[in-house]
């Protein structure tokens, strides 16, 4: 023990990785104990930590709680012994990356004499912006040529300073070029790899719509999903090394994370970790313009947050609320936050309920006038707002990105045979839409319930159009809107060849169970056949169901009366 304590009293010249005398002291001690011995040395040459392991490895202290600037290393180098003369192990390199060490060095121990042999060392490599832009395979480490301690001629401080200067230059150049968040997307599946790739492609579109720069994508196929971290231990370490190497700010998982998983992943990295549901909620928060839309998004976010309020080792939620009024048994900060979130949820739900009543009144007024109602539904980014603008000469915001429309819009429209209708533009759907978001937007989605016909818009130019069509129908069925007549409209047909379009429509028709038509919202001449067919379906449906409006109106009146 005294000999181990003496290591703390030694000082190494700052420009040297390790001196021959210090290396000999370490290897002799390691030879006698038959254990690996490691030291962490600061840039002034002082020993900060001494670690004693077993014959195969050492366990470095948890340094991740001490944050390090993005363009700097930790200011500590690790020198440890190897009893079998092996190369730097994967564990060594992982510690080098995750702990942001200046250098990782291994001293070979001579089996007979205990004297030091070769020193094998590696350091992290800065990533250049050019390499990222070219999407090159980037090697994260550089290895120094193995040498015996007396022949190590590397100026350690000069090497580290030059590396940090290059890191700072690259980061400044990258940030000047793009100040947006930078992410790595992660998919974990125990099913079909093809389905995981399709879902990952959609997650990439979501990230782009959220204004995030996607640096890399990783998919792992496992026989069973790890209940704590989703990924296996080795893959998680590879992910964190990759994130460090690319300068990522956050990691986005393509599935919903539980509170336990969020905590486990957050413990493993300083990076922000979110899931697909949070990304969608963030997009909705960016897009919400009306007070109603903002309230609905906030409610969905709070419902998502509530079960995930957990007390972490460094969380503010783990501290007791103190001060006047907070003494005695009191309640923890975590409990206080949960209570506040519940109170806010209750207030927002009451406000949404009031909005729901106002919508019921407006819908009831439209029904009294006996205007048939058509709602445009479909997957996000299918072109619903563009079609509404083309039909009604409106200027509803339309953009080539997901969830450009959150607030529903209603317009009056005259069909070709002088039939006047109300047409609604609705929020887009997406598969795996967070349940809390569907619940919060139920008041908005109720606009669909009074529809006499649905125009189900499908993006013909999207290779995943069939999955999107089925996802929308599944959500409509979950909302109990599956019985409303609908016309499947293949939009953006100008992007698809004629034969391919015919084949897609035959596939969608499913032997006549769906009626399909093709248009391009940017070509007015293609829209008229759709309107004529919509008018025919409306006329037929209203004849077959003459009491529809009356029954819906009665239902609305009963529901409205119940709330008052």
Protein backbone atom coordinates (compact mmCIF):
# COMPACT_ATOMS: atom_id res chain seq x y z
CA UNK A 1 0.00 0.00 0.00
CA UNK A 2 2.86 2.38 0.84
CA UNK A 3 4.43 1.82 -2.55
CA UNK A 4 1.13 2.62 -4.24
CA UNK A 5 0.78 5.78 -2.15
CA UNK A 6 4.30 6.81 -3.19
CA UNK A 7 3.09 7.06 -6.78
CA UNK A 8 1.11 10.14 -5.75
CA UNK A 9 4.32 11.88 -4.64
CA UNK A 10 6.04 11.50 -7.99
CA UNK A 11 5.95 14.26 -10.61
CA UNK A 12 6.57 13.73 -14.32
CA UNK A 13 7.99 16.37 -16.62
CA UNK A 14 4.86 17.89 -18.30
CA UNK A 15 6.14 17.39 -21.84
CA UNK A 16 6.79 13.65 -21.29
CA UNK A 17 4.16 10.92 -21.53
CA UNK A 18 5.96 8.93 -18.83
CA UNK A 19 9.56 8.89 -17.56
CA UNK A 20 11.69 5.68 -17.47
CA UNK A 21 11.92 5.88 -13.65
CA UNK A 22 8.18 6.22 -13.15
CA UNK A 23 7.49 3.48 -15.70
CA UNK A 24 9.82 1.12 -13.84
CA UNK A 25 8.18 1.86 -10.51
CA UNK A 26 4.75 1.03 -12.02
CA UNK A 27 5.79 -2.18 -13.80
CA UNK A 28 7.69 -3.59 -10.80
CA UNK A 29 4.69 -2.97 -8.56
CA UNK A 30 2.37 -4.53 -11.14
CA UNK A 31 4.69 -7.55 -11.50
CA UNK A 32 4.73 -8.16 -7.74
CA UNK A 33 0.96 -7.86 -7.25
CA UNK A 34 0.02 -9.54 -10.56
CA UNK A 35 -2.48 -6.73 -11.09
CA UNK A 36 -2.77 -3.92 -13.57
CA UNK A 37 -1.77 -0.56 -12.08
CA UNK A 38 -3.00 2.69 -13.61
CA UNK A 39 -2.42 6.39 -12.96
CA UNK A 40 -4.15 9.52 -14.22
CA UNK A 41 -1.68 12.36 -14.65
CA UNK A 42 -2.56 16.03 -15.19
CA UNK A 43 -0.79 18.35 -17.61
CA UNK A 44 1.50 19.68 -14.90
CA UNK A 45 2.81 16.17 -14.37
CA UNK A 46 1.08 15.47 -11.03
CA UNK A 47 -0.61 12.14 -10.34
CA UNK A 48 -4.32 12.76 -9.68
CA UNK A 49 -5.55 9.16 -9.34
CA UNK A 50 -3.97 5.74 -8.76
CA UNK A 51 -6.12 2.76 -9.77
CA UNK A 52 -5.47 -0.91 -8.94
CA UNK A 53 -7.24 -3.44 -11.14
CA UNK A 54 -7.03 -7.18 -11.66
CA UNK A 55 -4.81 -9.16 -14.03
CA UNK A 56 -6.88 -8.22 -17.09
CA UNK A 57 -8.15 -4.66 -16.67
CA UNK A 58 -8.48 -1.57 -14.51
CA UNK A 59 -11.68 0.30 -13.67
CA UNK A 60 -11.19 4.05 -14.12
CA UNK A 61 -13.11 6.46 -11.86
CA UNK A 62 -16.31 8.02 -13.23
CA UNK A 63 -15.11 11.36 -14.60
CA UNK A 64 -18.14 11.98 -16.84
CA UNK A 65 -19.92 14.07 -14.21
CA UNK A 66 -17.21 16.71 -14.65
CA UNK A 67 -18.12 18.45 -17.89
CA UNK A 68 -15.48 19.20 -20.48
CA UNK A 69 -15.58 21.91 -23.16
CA UNK A 70 -16.50 20.56 -26.59
CA UNK A 71 -13.17 21.60 -28.12
CA UNK A 72 -10.92 20.37 -25.30
CA UNK A 73 -9.75 17.11 -23.76
CA UNK A 74 -10.07 16.38 -20.04
CA UNK A 75 -6.54 17.42 -19.11
CA UNK A 76 -5.68 13.94 -17.81
CA UNK A 77 -3.70 11.14 -19.44
CA UNK A 78 -3.96 7.52 -18.37
CA UNK A 79 -0.86 5.33 -18.10
CA UNK A 80 -1.43 1.73 -17.00
CA UNK A 81 0.29 -1.63 -17.13
CA UNK A 82 -0.42 -4.69 -19.29
CA UNK A 83 0.81 -7.99 -17.86
CA UNK A 84 0.56 -10.00 -21.08
CA UNK A 85 2.13 -7.60 -23.57
CA UNK A 86 -1.19 -7.06 -25.38
CA UNK A 87 -2.13 -4.12 -27.58
CA UNK A 88 -4.45 -1.39 -26.32
CA UNK A 89 -7.79 -3.10 -25.75
CA UNK A 90 -11.23 -1.96 -26.91
CA UNK A 91 -11.99 -1.04 -23.29
CA UNK A 92 -8.90 1.17 -23.26
CA UNK A 93 -9.99 2.96 -26.43
CA UNK A 94 -13.58 3.31 -25.21
CA UNK A 95 -12.37 4.91 -21.95
CA UNK A 96 -10.13 7.21 -23.97
CA UNK A 97 -13.12 8.43 -25.97
CA UNK A 98 -15.90 8.52 -23.37
CA UNK A 99 -13.77 10.15 -20.67
CA UNK A 100 -12.20 12.54 -23.21
CA UNK A 101 -8.69 11.68 -21.94
CA UNK A 102 -5.63 13.41 -23.39
CA UNK A 103 -3.93 10.08 -24.04
CA UNK A 104 -4.23 6.38 -23.23
CA UNK A 105 -0.94 4.53 -22.74
CA UNK A 106 -0.18 0.91 -21.80
CA UNK A 107 3.16 -0.25 -20.37
CA UNK A 108 4.22 -3.82 -21.15
CA UNK A 109 5.51 -5.68 -18.05
CA UNK A 110 8.37 -8.14 -18.61
CA UNK A 111 7.18 -11.49 -17.23
CA UNK A 112 10.65 -12.46 -15.85
CA UNK A 113 12.10 -9.22 -14.52
CA UNK A 114 9.10 -6.92 -14.09
CA UNK A 115 10.92 -4.21 -16.04
CA UNK A 116 9.01 -1.97 -18.48
CA UNK A 117 8.80 -3.02 -22.10
CA UNK A 118 7.09 -1.15 -24.94
CA UNK A 119 4.79 1.81 -24.36
CA UNK A 120 1.71 1.66 -26.62
CA UNK A 121 -0.28 4.90 -26.77
CA UNK A 122 -3.24 6.39 -28.63
CA UNK A 123 -5.09 9.71 -28.71
CA UNK A 124 -8.36 10.95 -30.22
CA UNK A 125 -8.38 12.55 -33.65
CA UNK A 126 -10.24 15.79 -34.42
CA UNK A 127 -12.88 15.44 -37.14
CA UNK A 128 -12.64 17.89 -40.03
CA UNK A 129 -15.67 19.54 -41.61
CA UNK A 130 -14.51 18.33 -45.04
CA UNK A 131 -14.52 14.71 -43.88
CA UNK A 132 -18.04 15.11 -42.49
CA UNK A 133 -19.31 16.72 -45.69
CA UNK A 134 -17.76 13.93 -47.77
CA UNK A 135 -19.36 11.36 -45.43
CA UNK A 136 -16.01 9.59 -45.24
CA UNK A 137 -15.34 6.73 -42.86
CA UNK A 138 -13.48 8.52 -40.06
CA UNK A 139 -10.93 6.78 -37.86
CA UNK A 140 -11.45 8.04 -34.30
CA UNK A 141 -7.98 7.23 -32.93
CA UNK A 142 -4.33 7.77 -33.83
CA UNK A 143 -1.74 5.33 -32.50
CA UNK A 144 1.79 6.35 -31.60
CA UNK A 145 4.66 4.06 -32.63
CA UNK A 146 5.43 1.66 -29.74
CA UNK A 147 8.69 2.57 -27.98
CA UNK A 148 10.46 1.72 -24.74
CA UNK A 149 10.09 4.54 -22.17
CA UNK A 150 13.67 5.85 -22.58
CA UNK A 151 13.13 6.34 -26.33
CA UNK A 152 9.79 8.15 -26.19
CA UNK A 153 10.58 11.45 -27.89
CA UNK A 154 6.99 12.76 -28.26
CA UNK A 155 6.46 16.30 -26.88
CA UNK A 156 3.22 15.50 -25.09
CA UNK A 157 2.07 19.07 -24.38
CA UNK A 158 2.82 20.24 -27.93
CA UNK A 159 0.85 17.27 -29.33
CA UNK A 160 -2.21 17.91 -27.12
CA UNK A 161 -2.20 21.67 -27.71
CA UNK A 162 -2.07 21.20 -31.48
CA UNK A 163 -4.95 18.69 -31.35
CA UNK A 164 -7.11 21.03 -29.26
CA UNK A 165 -6.38 23.97 -31.55
CA UNK A 166 -7.50 21.90 -34.54
CA UNK A 167 -10.64 20.79 -32.68
CA UNK A 168 -11.48 24.41 -31.84
CA UNK A 169 -10.93 25.53 -35.46
CA UNK A 170 -13.11 22.74 -36.84
CA UNK A 171 -15.88 23.42 -34.33
CA UNK A 172 -15.88 27.16 -35.04
CA UNK A 173 -16.01 26.52 -38.78
CA UNK A 174 -18.85 24.02 -38.37
CA UNK A 175 -20.86 26.30 -36.09
CA UNK A 176 -20.44 29.28 -38.42
CA UNK A 177 -21.72 27.16 -41.29
CA UNK A 178 -24.69 25.76 -39.35
CA UNK A 179 -25.86 26.71 -35.85
CA UNK A 180 -28.58 24.04 -35.69
CA UNK A 181 -28.56 21.07 -33.30
CA UNK A 182 -26.60 18.09 -34.60
CA UNK A 183 -27.86 14.56 -34.02
CA UNK A 184 -27.28 10.87 -34.55
CA UNK A 185 -30.41 8.82 -35.24
CA UNK A 186 -30.63 5.38 -33.64
CA UNK A 187 -32.97 2.52 -34.49
CA UNK A 188 -33.21 -0.75 -32.56
CA UNK A 189 -35.37 -3.60 -33.82
CA UNK A 190 -36.03 -7.26 -33.18
CA UNK A 191 -38.12 -7.51 -36.35
CA UNK A 192 -37.61 -6.85 -40.05
CA UNK A 193 -34.54 -4.82 -40.97
CA UNK A 194 -36.35 -3.44 -44.03
CA UNK A 195 -39.13 -2.04 -41.82
CA UNK A 196 -36.53 -0.54 -39.48
CA UNK A 197 -34.86 1.17 -42.45
CA UNK A 198 -38.21 2.58 -43.62
CA UNK A 199 -38.93 3.90 -40.14
CA UNK A 200 -35.43 5.38 -39.97
CA UNK A 201 -35.98 7.18 -43.29
CA UNK A 202 -39.12 8.74 -41.81
CA UNK A 203 -37.26 9.68 -38.63
CA UNK A 204 -34.69 11.43 -40.80
CA UNK A 205 -37.49 13.44 -42.47
CA UNK A 206 -38.86 14.33 -39.03
CA UNK A 207 -35.44 15.48 -37.84
CA UNK A 208 -34.97 17.60 -40.95
CA UNK A 209 -38.44 19.11 -40.45
CA UNK A 210 -37.47 19.94 -36.86
CA UNK A 211 -34.43 21.85 -38.13
CA UNK A 212 -31.89 19.31 -36.88
CA UNK A 213 -28.72 18.34 -38.76
CA UNK A 214 -28.46 14.55 -39.09
CA UNK A 215 -24.83 13.49 -38.78
CA UNK A 216 -25.24 9.72 -38.85
CA UNK A 217 -27.77 6.88 -38.59
CA UNK A 218 -27.34 3.62 -36.72
CA UNK A 219 -29.64 0.58 -36.79
CA UNK A 220 -29.05 -2.44 -34.56
CA UNK A 221 -31.01 -5.66 -35.00
CA UNK A 222 -31.23 -7.70 -31.80
CA UNK A 223 -33.00 -10.90 -30.81
CA UNK A 224 -34.30 -9.07 -27.73
CA UNK A 225 -34.38 -5.35 -26.89
CA UNK A 226 -32.31 -4.40 -23.84
CA UNK A 227 -34.89 -3.16 -21.29
CA UNK A 228 -32.46 -0.58 -19.85
CA UNK A 229 -30.63 0.90 -22.81
CA UNK A 230 -32.23 -0.67 -25.92
CA UNK A 231 -28.79 -1.13 -27.48
CA UNK A 232 -26.25 -3.69 -26.39
CA UNK A 233 -23.34 -2.49 -24.24
CA UNK A 234 -20.79 -2.62 -27.06
CA UNK A 235 -23.06 -0.87 -29.56
CA UNK A 236 -23.90 1.83 -27.02
CA UNK A 237 -20.20 2.50 -26.47
CA UNK A 238 -19.65 2.67 -30.24
CA UNK A 239 -22.54 5.12 -30.51
CA UNK A 240 -21.13 7.40 -27.80
CA UNK A 241 -17.67 7.35 -29.37
CA UNK A 242 -19.21 8.20 -32.74
CA UNK A 243 -21.23 11.04 -31.20
CA UNK A 244 -18.10 12.46 -29.62
CA UNK A 245 -16.15 12.12 -32.83
CA UNK A 246 -18.80 13.88 -34.96
CA UNK A 247 -19.57 16.58 -32.41
CA UNK A 248 -23.22 15.58 -31.93
CA UNK A 249 -25.43 17.52 -29.50
CA UNK A 250 -28.19 14.94 -29.10
CA UNK A 251 -29.21 11.37 -29.87
CA UNK A 252 -32.68 10.57 -31.21
CA UNK A 253 -34.08 7.05 -30.79
CA UNK A 254 -36.65 5.74 -33.26
CA UNK A 255 -38.98 4.37 -30.58
CA UNK A 256 -40.56 5.64 -27.38
CA UNK A 257 -38.23 5.53 -24.38
CA UNK A 258 -39.39 4.72 -20.87
CA UNK A 259 -38.31 6.81 -17.88
CA UNK A 260 -35.84 4.06 -16.89
CA UNK A 261 -34.32 3.98 -20.36
CA UNK A 262 -33.97 7.76 -20.49
CA UNK A 263 -32.18 7.73 -17.16
CA UNK A 264 -29.86 4.84 -18.10
CA UNK A 265 -28.92 6.46 -21.40
CA UNK A 266 -28.45 9.88 -19.77
CA UNK A 267 -26.16 8.31 -17.18
CA UNK A 268 -24.00 6.95 -20.00
CA UNK A 269 -23.53 10.29 -21.79
CA UNK A 270 -23.66 14.06 -21.31
CA UNK A 271 -25.60 14.36 -24.56
CA UNK A 272 -29.33 15.08 -24.66
CA UNK A 273 -31.32 11.91 -25.38
CA UNK A 274 -34.83 12.09 -26.88
CA UNK A 275 -37.16 9.70 -28.65
CA UNK A 276 -39.39 9.79 -31.72
CA UNK A 277 -42.42 11.00 -29.73
CA UNK A 278 -40.46 13.94 -28.27
CA UNK A 279 -39.22 14.89 -31.73
CA UNK A 280 -42.79 14.96 -33.08
CA UNK A 281 -43.92 17.01 -30.07
CA UNK A 282 -41.07 19.46 -30.70
CA UNK A 283 -42.14 19.87 -34.34
CA UNK A 284 -45.71 20.51 -33.23
CA UNK A 285 -44.45 23.09 -30.73
CA UNK A 286 -42.53 24.87 -33.50
CA UNK A 287 -45.50 24.87 -35.87
CA UNK A 288 -48.35 25.81 -33.50
CA UNK A 289 -49.56 29.32 -34.34
CA UNK A 290 -53.02 29.68 -32.82
CA UNK A 291 -53.67 29.77 -29.08
CA UNK A 292 -55.66 26.56 -29.43
CA UNK A 293 -52.80 24.78 -31.17
CA UNK A 294 -50.27 25.94 -28.55
CA UNK A 295 -52.49 24.76 -25.70
CA UNK A 296 -52.95 21.34 -27.29
CA UNK A 297 -49.21 20.93 -27.84
CA UNK A 298 -48.38 22.01 -24.28
CA UNK A 299 -50.92 19.54 -22.89
CA UNK A 300 -49.42 16.70 -24.93
CA UNK A 301 -45.89 17.64 -23.80
CA UNK A 302 -46.87 17.74 -20.12
CA UNK A 303 -48.66 14.38 -20.32
CA UNK A 304 -45.56 12.93 -21.94
CA UNK A 305 -43.29 14.52 -19.31
CA UNK A 306 -45.21 13.55 -16.18
CA UNK A 307 -44.33 9.82 -15.98
CA UNK A 308 -40.75 10.66 -16.95
CA UNK A 309 -40.08 13.03 -14.04
CA UNK A 310 -37.51 10.94 -12.22
CA UNK A 311 -34.91 11.76 -9.60
CA UNK A 312 -31.45 11.35 -11.07
CA UNK A 313 -28.06 11.43 -9.37
CA UNK A 314 -27.47 15.01 -10.54
CA UNK A 315 -31.08 16.07 -11.03
CA UNK A 316 -32.62 19.12 -9.44
CA UNK A 317 -35.61 16.87 -8.72
CA UNK A 318 -33.53 14.92 -6.18
CA UNK A 319 -33.14 17.91 -3.82
CA UNK A 320 -35.61 18.65 -1.06
CA UNK A 321 -37.63 21.84 -1.32
CA UNK A 322 -36.38 24.05 1.53
CA UNK A 323 -36.84 27.47 3.00
CA UNK A 324 -39.89 29.07 4.60
CA UNK A 325 -42.93 26.93 4.01
CA UNK A 326 -40.79 23.99 2.93
CA UNK A 327 -39.43 22.77 6.26
CA UNK A 328 -40.47 19.71 8.19
CA UNK A 329 -41.62 16.57 6.36
CA UNK A 330 -42.69 18.68 3.39
CA UNK A 331 -42.45 17.17 -0.06
CA UNK A 332 -39.51 16.55 -2.35
CA UNK A 333 -38.72 18.81 -5.27
CA UNK A 334 -39.73 15.91 -7.53
CA UNK A 335 -43.14 15.64 -5.88
CA UNK A 336 -43.60 19.42 -6.13
CA UNK A 337 -42.84 19.35 -9.84
CA UNK A 338 -45.23 16.45 -10.40
CA UNK A 339 -48.01 18.27 -8.54
CA UNK A 340 -47.44 21.44 -10.58
CA UNK A 341 -47.52 19.48 -13.83
CA UNK A 342 -50.78 17.78 -12.81
CA UNK A 343 -52.33 21.14 -11.91
CA UNK A 344 -51.28 22.62 -15.24
CA UNK A 345 -52.65 19.59 -17.12
CA UNK A 346 -55.99 20.03 -15.33
CA UNK A 347 -56.20 23.72 -16.31
CA UNK A 348 -55.29 23.02 -19.93
CA UNK A 349 -57.84 20.21 -20.20
CA UNK A 350 -60.57 22.57 -18.96
CA UNK A 351 -59.54 25.16 -21.54
CA UNK A 352 -59.53 22.59 -24.34
CA UNK A 353 -62.96 21.43 -23.19
CA UNK A 354 -64.23 25.02 -23.55
CA UNK A 355 -62.76 25.18 -27.05
CA UNK A 356 -64.44 21.89 -27.82
CA UNK A 357 -67.81 23.35 -26.85
CA UNK A 358 -67.23 26.36 -29.11
CA UNK A 359 -66.37 24.03 -31.97
CA UNK A 360 -69.54 22.07 -31.34
CA UNK A 361 -71.53 25.33 -31.63
CA UNK A 362 -69.86 26.28 -34.90
CA UNK A 363 -70.36 22.79 -36.29
CA UNK A 364 -74.00 22.83 -35.26
CA UNK A 365 -74.49 26.16 -37.06
CA UNK A 366 -73.01 24.77 -40.27
CA UNK A 367 -75.28 21.73 -40.03
CA UNK A 368 -78.34 23.97 -39.69
CA UNK A 369 -77.43 25.53 -43.00
CA UNK A 370 -77.26 21.99 -44.42
CA UNK A 371 -73.93 22.43 -46.12
CA UNK A 372 -72.30 19.06 -46.82
CA UNK A 373 -68.83 18.79 -45.30
CA UNK A 374 -65.73 17.34 -46.97
CA UNK A 375 -62.52 16.92 -44.96
CA UNK A 376 -59.08 16.48 -46.49
CA UNK A 377 -57.16 13.90 -44.46
CA UNK A 378 -53.86 12.16 -45.06
CA UNK A 379 -50.32 11.53 -44.03
CA UNK A 380 -48.21 14.52 -43.12
CA UNK A 381 -46.68 16.30 -46.11
CA UNK A 382 -49.13 14.72 -48.58
CA UNK A 383 -50.13 18.16 -49.91
CA UNK A 384 -53.43 18.79 -48.07
CA UNK A 385 -52.94 22.56 -47.61
CA UNK A 386 -51.72 22.94 -51.19
CA UNK A 387 -54.90 21.25 -52.41
CA UNK A 388 -57.10 23.49 -50.24
CA UNK A 389 -55.37 26.57 -51.66
CA UNK A 390 -55.86 25.29 -55.21
CA UNK A 391 -59.56 24.58 -54.61
CA UNK A 392 -60.51 27.79 -52.79
CA UNK A 393 -57.88 30.34 -53.90
CA UNK A 394 -56.83 30.55 -50.25
CA UNK A 395 -53.43 31.38 -48.86
CA UNK A 396 -53.18 28.77 -46.16
CA UNK A 397 -49.55 28.16 -45.20
CA UNK A 398 -48.24 25.23 -47.26
CA UNK A 399 -44.68 23.95 -47.16
CA UNK A 400 -42.73 20.87 -48.25
CA UNK A 401 -42.10 19.61 -44.75
CA UNK A 402 -43.82 17.50 -42.12
CA UNK A 403 -46.62 19.01 -40.03
CA UNK A 404 -46.58 22.39 -41.76
CA UNK A 405 -50.30 22.63 -40.80
CA UNK A 406 -51.51 22.19 -37.21
CA UNK A 407 -54.54 24.47 -37.09
CA UNK A 408 -57.54 23.21 -39.10
CA UNK A 409 -58.97 25.52 -41.75
CA UNK A 410 -62.52 25.53 -43.17
CA UNK A 411 -63.55 27.15 -46.47
CA UNK A 412 -66.70 27.23 -48.57
CA UNK A 413 -66.43 25.68 -52.02
CA UNK A 414 -68.80 25.37 -54.98
CA UNK A 415 -68.60 22.03 -56.76
CA UNK A 416 -68.99 21.78 -60.60
CA UNK A 417 -72.77 21.17 -60.40
CA UNK A 418 -73.48 24.27 -58.30
CA UNK A 419 -73.35 22.28 -55.09
CA UNK A 420 -72.03 24.35 -52.19
CA UNK A 421 -69.99 22.60 -49.49
CA UNK A 422 -67.67 23.22 -46.54
CA UNK A 423 -64.17 21.82 -47.02
CA UNK A 424 -61.77 21.28 -44.09
CA UNK A 425 -57.99 21.07 -44.07
CA UNK A 426 -56.79 18.92 -41.14
CA UNK A 427 -53.58 18.14 -39.31
CA UNK A 428 -51.49 15.42 -40.94
CA UNK A 429 -51.15 11.93 -39.51
CA UNK A 430 -48.04 9.84 -39.02
CA UNK A 431 -47.48 6.28 -37.83
CA UNK A 432 -46.67 5.85 -34.15
CA UNK A 433 -48.24 9.23 -33.44
CA UNK A 434 -47.87 9.76 -29.67
CA UNK A 435 -51.17 8.83 -27.96
CA UNK A 436 -50.99 11.96 -25.78
CA UNK A 437 -50.81 14.05 -28.93
CA UNK A 438 -53.86 12.34 -30.43
CA UNK A 439 -55.72 12.89 -27.15
CA UNK A 440 -54.73 16.57 -26.97
CA UNK A 441 -55.73 17.19 -30.59
CA UNK A 442 -59.00 15.25 -30.31
CA UNK A 443 -60.96 18.53 -30.18
CA UNK A 444 -59.33 19.55 -33.46
CA UNK A 445 -59.77 16.13 -35.05
CA UNK A 446 -63.48 16.20 -34.20
CA UNK A 447 -63.84 18.46 -37.24
CA UNK A 448 -63.59 15.21 -39.19
CA UNK A 449 -66.47 13.58 -37.32
CA UNK A 450 -69.17 15.69 -39.00
CA UNK A 451 -67.85 15.04 -42.50
CA UNK A 452 -70.01 13.56 -45.24
CA UNK A 453 -66.93 12.59 -47.28
CA UNK A 454 -63.22 12.28 -46.68
CA UNK A 455 -60.65 13.04 -49.36
CA UNK A 456 -57.82 10.76 -48.27
CA UNK A 457 -54.76 12.36 -49.86
CA UNK A 458 -51.83 10.04 -50.64
CA UNK A 459 -48.38 11.22 -51.73
CA UNK A 460 -47.88 9.25 -54.95
CA UNK A 461 -44.24 10.31 -55.10
CA UNK A 462 -43.39 8.69 -51.77
CA UNK A 463 -42.00 5.16 -51.96
CA UNK A 464 -43.74 4.32 -48.66
CA UNK A 465 -47.18 5.43 -49.88
CA UNK A 466 -48.89 2.10 -49.06
CA UNK A 467 -47.68 2.08 -45.47
CA UNK A 468 -48.75 5.71 -45.13
CA UNK A 469 -52.21 4.98 -46.54
CA UNK A 470 -52.69 2.11 -44.11
CA UNK A 471 -51.39 4.19 -41.16
CA UNK A 472 -53.97 6.93 -41.85
CA UNK A 473 -56.80 4.40 -42.11
CA UNK A 474 -55.68 2.76 -38.88
CA UNK A 475 -55.75 6.11 -37.04
CA UNK A 476 -59.16 6.98 -38.51
CA UNK A 477 -60.50 3.64 -37.28
CA UNK A 478 -59.00 4.26 -33.81
CA UNK A 479 -60.82 7.62 -33.74
CA UNK A 480 -64.07 5.87 -34.77
CA UNK A 481 -64.15 7.69 -38.11
CA UNK A 482 -63.70 4.55 -40.19
CA UNK A 483 -67.35 4.52 -41.31
CA UNK A 484 -67.21 7.89 -43.09
CA UNK A 485 -67.20 7.45 -46.92
CA UNK A 486 -63.90 8.36 -48.50
CA UNK A 487 -62.20 8.88 -51.83
CA UNK A 488 -58.51 7.98 -52.03
CA UNK A 489 -56.75 10.77 -53.96
CA UNK A 490 -53.24 10.13 -55.28
CA UNK A 491 -51.63 13.59 -55.19
CA UNK A 492 -48.34 14.55 -56.87
CA UNK A 493 -49.19 12.18 -59.73
CA UNK A 494 -46.96 14.29 -62.00
CA UNK A 495 -43.98 12.76 -60.18
CA UNK A 496 -44.90 9.20 -61.18
CA UNK A 497 -44.99 7.45 -64.55
CA UNK A 498 -48.44 6.64 -65.97
CA UNK A 499 -48.05 2.87 -65.77
CA UNK A 500 -46.64 3.01 -62.26
CA UNK A 501 -49.54 5.22 -61.19
CA UNK A 502 -52.10 2.77 -62.61
CA UNK A 503 -50.40 -0.10 -60.77
CA UNK A 504 -50.41 1.86 -57.50
CA UNK A 505 -54.11 2.67 -57.84
CA UNK A 506 -54.95 -0.98 -58.57
CA UNK A 507 -53.01 -2.03 -55.49
CA UNK A 508 -54.73 0.59 -53.34
CA UNK A 509 -58.20 -0.29 -54.65
CA UNK A 510 -57.93 -3.80 -53.13
CA UNK A 511 -60.49 -5.32 -55.45
CA UNK A 512 -62.89 -2.41 -55.28
CA UNK A 513 -62.90 -1.81 -51.52
CA UNK A 514 -61.36 1.63 -52.07
CA UNK A 515 -62.21 4.15 -54.78
CA UNK A 516 -59.13 5.93 -56.15
CA UNK A 517 -58.42 8.91 -58.37
CA UNK A 518 -55.19 10.70 -59.33
CA UNK A 519 -54.48 14.45 -59.32
CA UNK A 520 -51.72 16.99 -58.99
CA UNK A 521 -52.63 19.90 -56.72
CA UNK A 522 -50.31 22.06 -58.83
CA UNK A 523 -52.20 21.29 -62.06
CA UNK A 524 -55.79 22.74 -61.90
CA UNK A 525 -57.02 20.73 -64.89
CA UNK A 526 -56.40 17.47 -63.00
CA UNK A 527 -58.55 18.56 -60.04
CA UNK A 528 -61.93 18.92 -61.79
CA UNK A 529 -62.51 15.13 -62.24
CA UNK A 530 -61.89 14.70 -58.53
CA UNK A 531 -64.48 17.39 -57.67
CA UNK A 532 -67.04 15.87 -60.01
CA UNK A 533 -66.55 12.45 -58.46
CA UNK A 534 -66.71 13.95 -54.95
CA UNK A 535 -70.02 15.62 -55.88
CA UNK A 536 -71.43 12.31 -57.12
CA UNK A 537 -70.36 10.49 -53.95
CA UNK A 538 -71.85 13.25 -51.79
CA UNK A 539 -75.17 13.10 -53.64
CA UNK A 540 -75.30 9.31 -53.36
CA UNK A 541 -74.34 9.29 -49.69
CA UNK A 542 -76.84 11.98 -48.75
CA UNK A 543 -79.62 10.07 -50.54
CA UNK A 544 -78.64 6.83 -48.82
CA UNK A 545 -78.30 8.51 -45.44
CA UNK A 546 -80.85 11.35 -45.44
CA UNK A 547 -80.89 11.61 -41.65
CA UNK A 548 -77.14 11.92 -41.22
CA UNK A 549 -77.05 15.64 -40.57
CA UNK A 550 -80.03 15.52 -38.26
CA UNK A 551 -78.56 12.67 -36.20
CA UNK A 552 -75.16 14.36 -35.96
CA UNK A 553 -76.79 17.66 -35.04
CA UNK A 554 -78.86 15.96 -32.34
CA UNK A 555 -75.76 14.23 -31.01
CA UNK A 556 -73.87 17.53 -30.94
CA UNK A 557 -76.72 19.25 -29.09
CA UNK A 558 -76.89 16.46 -26.49
CA UNK A 559 -73.14 16.54 -25.97
CA UNK A 560 -73.11 20.33 -25.72
CA UNK A 561 -75.99 20.26 -23.21
CA UNK A 562 -74.12 17.69 -21.10
CA UNK A 563 -71.18 20.06 -20.71
CA UNK A 564 -73.43 22.92 -19.59
